[in-house]
N, C-alpha and C. Protein backbone atom coordinates (compact mmCIF):
# COMPACT_ATOMS: atom_id res chain seq x y z
N ILE A 1 0.86 -1.16 0.00
CA ILE A 1 0.00 0.00 0.00
C ILE A 1 0.91 1.22 0.00
N ILE A 2 0.82 2.02 -1.05
CA ILE A 2 1.70 3.18 -1.19
C ILE A 2 0.95 4.42 -0.72
N ILE A 3 1.51 5.09 0.27
CA ILE A 3 0.87 6.27 0.84
C ILE A 3 1.66 7.52 0.44
N GLU A 4 1.04 8.32 -0.40
CA GLU A 4 1.62 9.59 -0.80
C GLU A 4 0.93 10.76 -0.08
N GLU A 5 -0.29 10.52 0.38
CA GLU A 5 -1.09 11.55 1.04
C GLU A 5 -0.41 11.97 2.35
N THR A 6 0.04 13.20 2.40
CA THR A 6 0.83 13.69 3.53
C THR A 6 0.08 13.56 4.85
N ALA A 7 -1.19 13.92 4.88
CA ALA A 7 -1.94 13.89 6.14
C ALA A 7 -2.02 12.47 6.70
N LEU A 8 -2.27 11.49 5.85
CA LEU A 8 -2.36 10.10 6.30
C LEU A 8 -0.99 9.59 6.73
N LYS A 9 0.02 9.88 5.95
CA LYS A 9 1.38 9.46 6.30
C LYS A 9 1.78 10.06 7.65
N ASP A 10 1.47 11.34 7.85
CA ASP A 10 1.82 12.00 9.11
C ASP A 10 1.05 11.44 10.30
N ARG A 11 -0.20 11.05 10.08
CA ARG A 11 -0.98 10.43 11.17
C ARG A 11 -0.34 9.09 11.58
N ILE A 12 0.08 8.31 10.60
CA ILE A 12 0.76 7.05 10.93
C ILE A 12 2.02 7.34 11.72
N ALA A 13 2.78 8.35 11.29
CA ALA A 13 4.03 8.71 11.98
C ALA A 13 3.77 9.13 13.42
N ARG A 14 2.72 9.87 13.65
CA ARG A 14 2.46 10.42 14.98
C ARG A 14 1.64 9.50 15.89
N GLU A 15 0.82 8.65 15.29
CA GLU A 15 -0.12 7.86 16.09
C GLU A 15 0.14 6.36 16.11
N ALA A 16 0.98 5.86 15.19
CA ALA A 16 1.05 4.40 15.04
C ALA A 16 2.44 3.80 15.17
N VAL A 17 3.41 4.54 15.72
CA VAL A 17 4.75 3.97 15.86
C VAL A 17 5.14 3.79 17.33
N MET A 18 4.12 3.69 18.17
CA MET A 18 4.31 3.32 19.58
C MET A 18 5.27 4.27 20.32
N GLY A 19 5.26 5.53 19.93
CA GLY A 19 6.12 6.51 20.59
C GLY A 19 7.58 6.43 20.21
N PHE A 20 7.93 5.58 19.24
CA PHE A 20 9.33 5.43 18.82
C PHE A 20 9.68 6.61 17.92
N GLU A 21 10.30 7.62 18.50
CA GLU A 21 10.54 8.89 17.82
C GLU A 21 11.39 8.76 16.56
N TRP A 22 12.30 7.80 16.54
CA TRP A 22 13.14 7.61 15.36
C TRP A 22 12.26 7.31 14.14
N ASN A 23 11.29 6.40 14.32
CA ASN A 23 10.39 6.07 13.21
C ASN A 23 9.50 7.25 12.85
N THR A 24 9.04 8.00 13.86
CA THR A 24 8.23 9.19 13.57
C THR A 24 9.00 10.13 12.66
N GLY A 25 10.25 10.42 13.00
CA GLY A 25 11.07 11.33 12.20
C GLY A 25 11.32 10.81 10.80
N ILE A 26 11.58 9.52 10.68
CA ILE A 26 11.83 8.93 9.36
C ILE A 26 10.60 9.08 8.47
N ILE A 27 9.44 8.73 9.01
CA ILE A 27 8.21 8.79 8.20
C ILE A 27 7.86 10.24 7.84
N LEU A 28 7.98 11.15 8.81
CA LEU A 28 7.67 12.55 8.53
C LEU A 28 8.61 13.13 7.46
N GLY A 29 9.84 12.65 7.41
CA GLY A 29 10.81 13.15 6.45
C GLY A 29 10.75 12.50 5.09
N ALA A 30 10.01 11.43 4.97
CA ALA A 30 9.94 10.69 3.69
C ALA A 30 8.74 11.17 2.87
N PRO A 31 8.92 11.30 1.57
CA PRO A 31 7.78 11.70 0.74
C PRO A 31 6.73 10.61 0.56
N VAL A 32 7.15 9.35 0.74
CA VAL A 32 6.24 8.23 0.52
C VAL A 32 6.46 7.18 1.60
N LEU A 33 5.37 6.56 2.04
CA LEU A 33 5.43 5.45 2.98
C LEU A 33 4.76 4.25 2.33
N VAL A 34 5.47 3.13 2.35
CA VAL A 34 4.90 1.88 1.85
C VAL A 34 4.52 1.02 3.05
N VAL A 35 3.30 0.55 3.05
CA VAL A 35 2.85 -0.38 4.09
C VAL A 35 2.84 -1.76 3.44
N LEU A 36 3.75 -2.62 3.92
CA LEU A 36 3.85 -3.97 3.38
C LEU A 36 2.81 -4.83 4.08
N ALA A 37 1.81 -5.25 3.32
CA ALA A 37 0.73 -6.06 3.87
C ALA A 37 0.84 -7.49 3.35
N SER A 38 0.42 -8.42 4.18
CA SER A 38 0.44 -9.83 3.79
C SER A 38 -0.90 -10.47 4.12
N VAL A 39 -1.19 -11.54 3.41
CA VAL A 39 -2.45 -12.25 3.60
C VAL A 39 -2.22 -13.36 4.62
N PRO A 40 -2.91 -13.32 5.74
CA PRO A 40 -2.71 -14.38 6.75
C PRO A 40 -3.30 -15.71 6.29
N GLY A 41 -2.70 -16.78 6.81
CA GLY A 41 -3.24 -18.11 6.56
C GLY A 41 -2.90 -18.71 5.22
N LYS A 42 -1.93 -18.13 4.50
CA LYS A 42 -1.55 -18.65 3.18
C LYS A 42 -0.14 -19.24 3.22
N SER A 43 0.82 -18.43 3.60
CA SER A 43 2.22 -18.85 3.57
C SER A 43 2.49 -19.83 4.71
N GLY A 44 2.94 -21.03 4.35
CA GLY A 44 3.22 -22.05 5.35
C GLY A 44 2.05 -22.96 5.67
N TYR A 45 0.98 -22.83 4.90
CA TYR A 45 -0.22 -23.63 5.13
C TYR A 45 -0.51 -24.50 3.92
N GLU A 46 -1.11 -25.65 4.18
CA GLU A 46 -1.62 -26.51 3.12
C GLU A 46 -3.02 -26.03 2.74
N LYS A 47 -3.54 -26.55 1.64
CA LYS A 47 -4.88 -26.13 1.18
C LYS A 47 -5.96 -26.44 2.20
N ASP A 48 -5.73 -27.47 3.03
CA ASP A 48 -6.73 -27.82 4.03
C ASP A 48 -6.60 -27.00 5.32
N GLY A 49 -5.64 -26.05 5.34
CA GLY A 49 -5.46 -25.20 6.51
C GLY A 49 -4.43 -25.70 7.50
N ALA A 50 -3.90 -26.91 7.30
CA ALA A 50 -2.88 -27.45 8.20
C ALA A 50 -1.54 -26.77 7.91
N TYR A 51 -0.69 -26.73 8.92
CA TYR A 51 0.65 -26.16 8.73
C TYR A 51 1.47 -27.07 7.82
N SER A 52 2.28 -26.46 6.96
CA SER A 52 3.13 -27.23 6.05
C SER A 52 4.36 -27.78 6.75
N THR A 53 4.89 -27.04 7.73
CA THR A 53 6.10 -27.45 8.45
C THR A 53 5.98 -27.12 9.92
N SER A 54 6.99 -27.49 10.68
CA SER A 54 6.99 -27.17 12.11
C SER A 54 7.17 -25.67 12.37
N LYS A 55 7.47 -24.90 11.35
CA LYS A 55 7.57 -23.44 11.49
C LYS A 55 6.19 -22.81 11.65
N LYS A 56 5.17 -23.58 11.39
CA LYS A 56 3.78 -23.15 11.53
C LYS A 56 3.51 -21.87 10.75
N ASP A 57 3.04 -20.82 11.42
CA ASP A 57 2.66 -19.58 10.72
C ASP A 57 3.81 -18.60 10.55
N LYS A 58 5.03 -18.98 10.90
CA LYS A 58 6.18 -18.07 10.81
C LYS A 58 6.60 -17.79 9.37
N TRP A 59 6.15 -18.58 8.41
CA TRP A 59 6.52 -18.37 7.02
C TRP A 59 5.99 -17.05 6.48
N GLU A 60 4.88 -16.57 7.02
CA GLU A 60 4.32 -15.30 6.54
C GLU A 60 5.34 -14.17 6.69
N MET A 61 5.96 -14.07 7.85
CA MET A 61 6.95 -13.01 8.07
C MET A 61 8.23 -13.27 7.28
N PHE A 62 8.60 -14.52 7.12
CA PHE A 62 9.76 -14.87 6.31
C PHE A 62 9.55 -14.37 4.88
N ASP A 63 8.40 -14.68 4.31
CA ASP A 63 8.09 -14.25 2.95
C ASP A 63 7.96 -12.73 2.85
N ALA A 64 7.39 -12.11 3.88
CA ALA A 64 7.28 -10.65 3.89
C ALA A 64 8.67 -10.01 3.91
N GLY A 65 9.59 -10.62 4.65
CA GLY A 65 10.96 -10.11 4.69
C GLY A 65 11.64 -10.19 3.33
N ILE A 66 11.41 -11.29 2.63
CA ILE A 66 11.95 -11.43 1.28
C ILE A 66 11.35 -10.36 0.36
N ALA A 67 10.05 -10.14 0.48
CA ALA A 67 9.39 -9.12 -0.35
C ALA A 67 9.94 -7.73 -0.03
N ALA A 68 10.15 -7.43 1.26
CA ALA A 68 10.69 -6.12 1.65
C ALA A 68 12.09 -5.93 1.08
N GLN A 69 12.93 -6.94 1.22
CA GLN A 69 14.30 -6.83 0.71
C GLN A 69 14.31 -6.66 -0.80
N THR A 70 13.52 -7.42 -1.51
CA THR A 70 13.47 -7.32 -2.96
C THR A 70 12.99 -5.94 -3.39
N PHE A 71 11.95 -5.44 -2.71
CA PHE A 71 11.45 -4.10 -3.00
C PHE A 71 12.53 -3.05 -2.77
N GLN A 72 13.24 -3.15 -1.64
CA GLN A 72 14.26 -2.17 -1.31
C GLN A 72 15.45 -2.24 -2.28
N LEU A 73 15.84 -3.42 -2.69
CA LEU A 73 16.93 -3.54 -3.66
C LEU A 73 16.53 -2.95 -5.01
N ALA A 74 15.28 -3.18 -5.42
CA ALA A 74 14.80 -2.60 -6.68
C ALA A 74 14.75 -1.07 -6.58
N ALA A 75 14.31 -0.55 -5.45
CA ALA A 75 14.28 0.90 -5.24
C ALA A 75 15.69 1.46 -5.30
N HIS A 76 16.64 0.78 -4.67
CA HIS A 76 18.04 1.22 -4.67
C HIS A 76 18.59 1.30 -6.09
N GLU A 77 18.26 0.33 -6.91
CA GLU A 77 18.69 0.33 -8.32
C GLU A 77 18.18 1.56 -9.06
N CYS A 78 17.05 2.10 -8.60
CA CYS A 78 16.46 3.30 -9.23
C CYS A 78 16.91 4.58 -8.54
N GLY A 79 17.85 4.48 -7.60
CA GLY A 79 18.32 5.66 -6.89
C GLY A 79 17.43 6.11 -5.75
N ILE A 80 16.53 5.25 -5.33
CA ILE A 80 15.59 5.56 -4.25
C ILE A 80 16.11 4.92 -2.96
N GLY A 81 16.14 5.70 -1.89
CA GLY A 81 16.54 5.20 -0.59
C GLY A 81 15.33 4.64 0.14
N SER A 82 15.57 3.76 1.09
CA SER A 82 14.47 3.18 1.85
C SER A 82 14.92 2.79 3.25
N VAL A 83 13.96 2.79 4.15
CA VAL A 83 14.20 2.34 5.53
C VAL A 83 13.03 1.46 5.92
N VAL A 84 13.31 0.22 6.29
CA VAL A 84 12.24 -0.68 6.75
C VAL A 84 12.10 -0.52 8.26
N MET A 85 10.86 -0.46 8.71
CA MET A 85 10.58 -0.26 10.14
C MET A 85 9.65 -1.36 10.64
N GLY A 86 9.98 -1.90 11.79
CA GLY A 86 9.17 -2.96 12.37
C GLY A 86 8.50 -2.55 13.67
N ILE A 87 8.84 -1.38 14.19
CA ILE A 87 8.21 -0.91 15.43
C ILE A 87 7.02 -0.05 15.05
N PHE A 88 5.84 -0.64 15.15
CA PHE A 88 4.59 0.06 14.85
C PHE A 88 3.45 -0.70 15.49
N ASP A 89 2.34 -0.02 15.66
CA ASP A 89 1.13 -0.60 16.21
C ASP A 89 0.27 -1.07 15.04
N GLU A 90 0.28 -2.37 14.80
CA GLU A 90 -0.43 -2.92 13.65
C GLU A 90 -1.92 -2.59 13.69
N VAL A 91 -2.52 -2.67 14.85
CA VAL A 91 -3.95 -2.38 14.97
C VAL A 91 -4.23 -0.94 14.56
N LYS A 92 -3.40 -0.01 15.01
CA LYS A 92 -3.60 1.41 14.68
C LYS A 92 -3.37 1.67 13.20
N VAL A 93 -2.33 1.06 12.61
CA VAL A 93 -2.07 1.23 11.18
C VAL A 93 -3.27 0.73 10.39
N LYS A 94 -3.77 -0.45 10.75
CA LYS A 94 -4.92 -1.00 10.04
C LYS A 94 -6.14 -0.10 10.19
N GLU A 95 -6.32 0.45 11.37
CA GLU A 95 -7.45 1.37 11.61
C GLU A 95 -7.32 2.61 10.72
N LEU A 96 -6.14 3.21 10.70
CA LEU A 96 -5.94 4.42 9.90
C LEU A 96 -6.12 4.17 8.40
N LEU A 97 -5.79 2.96 7.96
CA LEU A 97 -5.91 2.62 6.53
C LEU A 97 -7.25 1.98 6.18
N GLY A 98 -8.05 1.67 7.19
CA GLY A 98 -9.33 1.02 6.94
C GLY A 98 -9.19 -0.42 6.48
N LEU A 99 -8.18 -1.11 6.99
CA LEU A 99 -7.95 -2.51 6.62
C LEU A 99 -8.67 -3.43 7.58
N ASP A 100 -9.16 -4.55 7.08
CA ASP A 100 -9.79 -5.55 7.94
C ASP A 100 -8.82 -6.70 8.19
N ASP A 101 -9.33 -7.78 8.75
CA ASP A 101 -8.46 -8.90 9.13
C ASP A 101 -8.06 -9.78 7.95
N THR A 102 -8.39 -9.39 6.72
CA THR A 102 -7.94 -10.15 5.56
C THR A 102 -6.50 -9.80 5.21
N LEU A 103 -5.92 -8.79 5.89
CA LEU A 103 -4.52 -8.41 5.69
C LEU A 103 -3.84 -8.18 7.02
N ASN A 104 -2.58 -8.56 7.08
CA ASN A 104 -1.71 -8.22 8.21
C ASN A 104 -0.73 -7.18 7.74
N VAL A 105 -0.29 -6.32 8.64
CA VAL A 105 0.74 -5.35 8.31
C VAL A 105 2.07 -5.93 8.76
N SER A 106 2.96 -6.18 7.81
CA SER A 106 4.24 -6.83 8.11
C SER A 106 5.35 -5.83 8.36
N ALA A 107 5.33 -4.69 7.68
CA ALA A 107 6.40 -3.70 7.84
C ALA A 107 5.95 -2.36 7.27
N LEU A 108 6.62 -1.32 7.71
CA LEU A 108 6.50 0.00 7.11
C LEU A 108 7.82 0.30 6.43
N ILE A 109 7.78 0.84 5.22
CA ILE A 109 9.01 1.16 4.49
C ILE A 109 8.90 2.60 3.99
N ALA A 110 9.74 3.47 4.55
CA ALA A 110 9.80 4.85 4.08
C ALA A 110 10.70 4.89 2.86
N ILE A 111 10.27 5.61 1.82
CA ILE A 111 11.10 5.71 0.62
C ILE A 111 11.21 7.16 0.16
N GLY A 112 12.31 7.45 -0.50
CA GLY A 112 12.54 8.78 -1.06
C GLY A 112 13.96 8.87 -1.58
N HIS A 113 14.29 10.02 -2.11
CA HIS A 113 15.65 10.25 -2.59
C HIS A 113 16.53 10.56 -1.38
N PRO A 114 17.61 9.81 -1.17
CA PRO A 114 18.44 10.02 0.02
C PRO A 114 19.17 11.36 -0.03
N ALA A 115 19.25 12.01 1.14
CA ALA A 115 19.97 13.29 1.25
C ALA A 115 21.47 13.05 1.25
N ILE A 116 21.88 11.89 1.74
CA ILE A 116 23.31 11.55 1.81
C ILE A 116 23.48 10.10 1.37
N GLN A 117 24.70 9.75 1.01
CA GLN A 117 25.04 8.35 0.75
C GLN A 117 25.84 7.86 1.95
N PRO A 118 25.20 7.14 2.86
CA PRO A 118 25.91 6.69 4.05
C PRO A 118 27.00 5.67 3.71
N THR A 119 28.00 5.62 4.56
CA THR A 119 29.05 4.62 4.43
C THR A 119 28.51 3.29 4.94
N ALA A 120 28.74 2.26 4.18
CA ALA A 120 28.28 0.93 4.60
C ALA A 120 29.03 0.50 5.86
N PRO A 121 28.32 -0.13 6.81
CA PRO A 121 29.01 -0.60 8.01
C PRO A 121 29.97 -1.74 7.69
N ALA A 122 30.94 -1.94 8.56
CA ALA A 122 31.89 -3.04 8.38
C ALA A 122 31.14 -4.37 8.42
N ARG A 123 31.56 -5.26 7.59
CA ARG A 123 30.94 -6.60 7.54
C ARG A 123 31.93 -7.63 8.04
N LYS A 124 31.39 -8.68 8.62
CA LYS A 124 32.25 -9.78 9.05
C LYS A 124 32.78 -10.49 7.81
N PRO A 125 33.98 -11.00 7.89
CA PRO A 125 34.49 -11.80 6.77
C PRO A 125 33.64 -13.06 6.58
N VAL A 126 33.51 -13.48 5.35
CA VAL A 126 32.72 -14.65 5.04
C VAL A 126 33.16 -15.86 5.85
N GLN A 127 34.46 -15.97 6.10
CA GLN A 127 35.01 -17.11 6.84
C GLN A 127 34.43 -17.20 8.26
N GLU A 128 34.02 -16.08 8.83
CA GLU A 128 33.41 -16.09 10.16
C GLU A 128 31.95 -16.48 10.14
N LEU A 129 31.34 -16.43 8.98
CA LEU A 129 29.89 -16.68 8.88
C LEU A 129 29.55 -18.07 8.37
N ILE A 130 30.48 -18.71 7.69
CA ILE A 130 30.20 -20.00 7.06
C ILE A 130 30.85 -21.12 7.83
N GLN A 131 30.11 -22.21 7.94
CA GLN A 131 30.66 -23.43 8.52
C GLN A 131 30.71 -24.49 7.43
N TYR A 132 31.84 -25.17 7.35
CA TYR A 132 31.97 -26.31 6.44
C TYR A 132 31.97 -27.57 7.28
N ARG A 133 31.20 -28.52 6.90
CA ARG A 133 31.14 -29.77 7.65
C ARG A 133 31.25 -30.96 6.72
């Protein structure tokens, strides 16, 4: 859900980020807010409603994370900056957007043209992250 309407975006920033001022500032400063919504009861479920694996309903957030990353990488390729946020009041976001229980809110993603190009943080060497057995 792409929110360009300033008044709605600002209400989410002020009313739906659980007092987390960092997210309020990010959303207020971004020209666009993307609300990543997912359909509950699909990812990780069989057609009969049973869980596909022992991960049960956790696949929904796994798939939402993949969607967020793919979206952000595509935005980056177009010169658009993005920040994914997970601290928000899902009930309040759904209320402000008029969403019912057919959708869950998985993440908020602020997007816009970056004011600066930040330096990438140091990464661990691959040798520290991989195990060979």
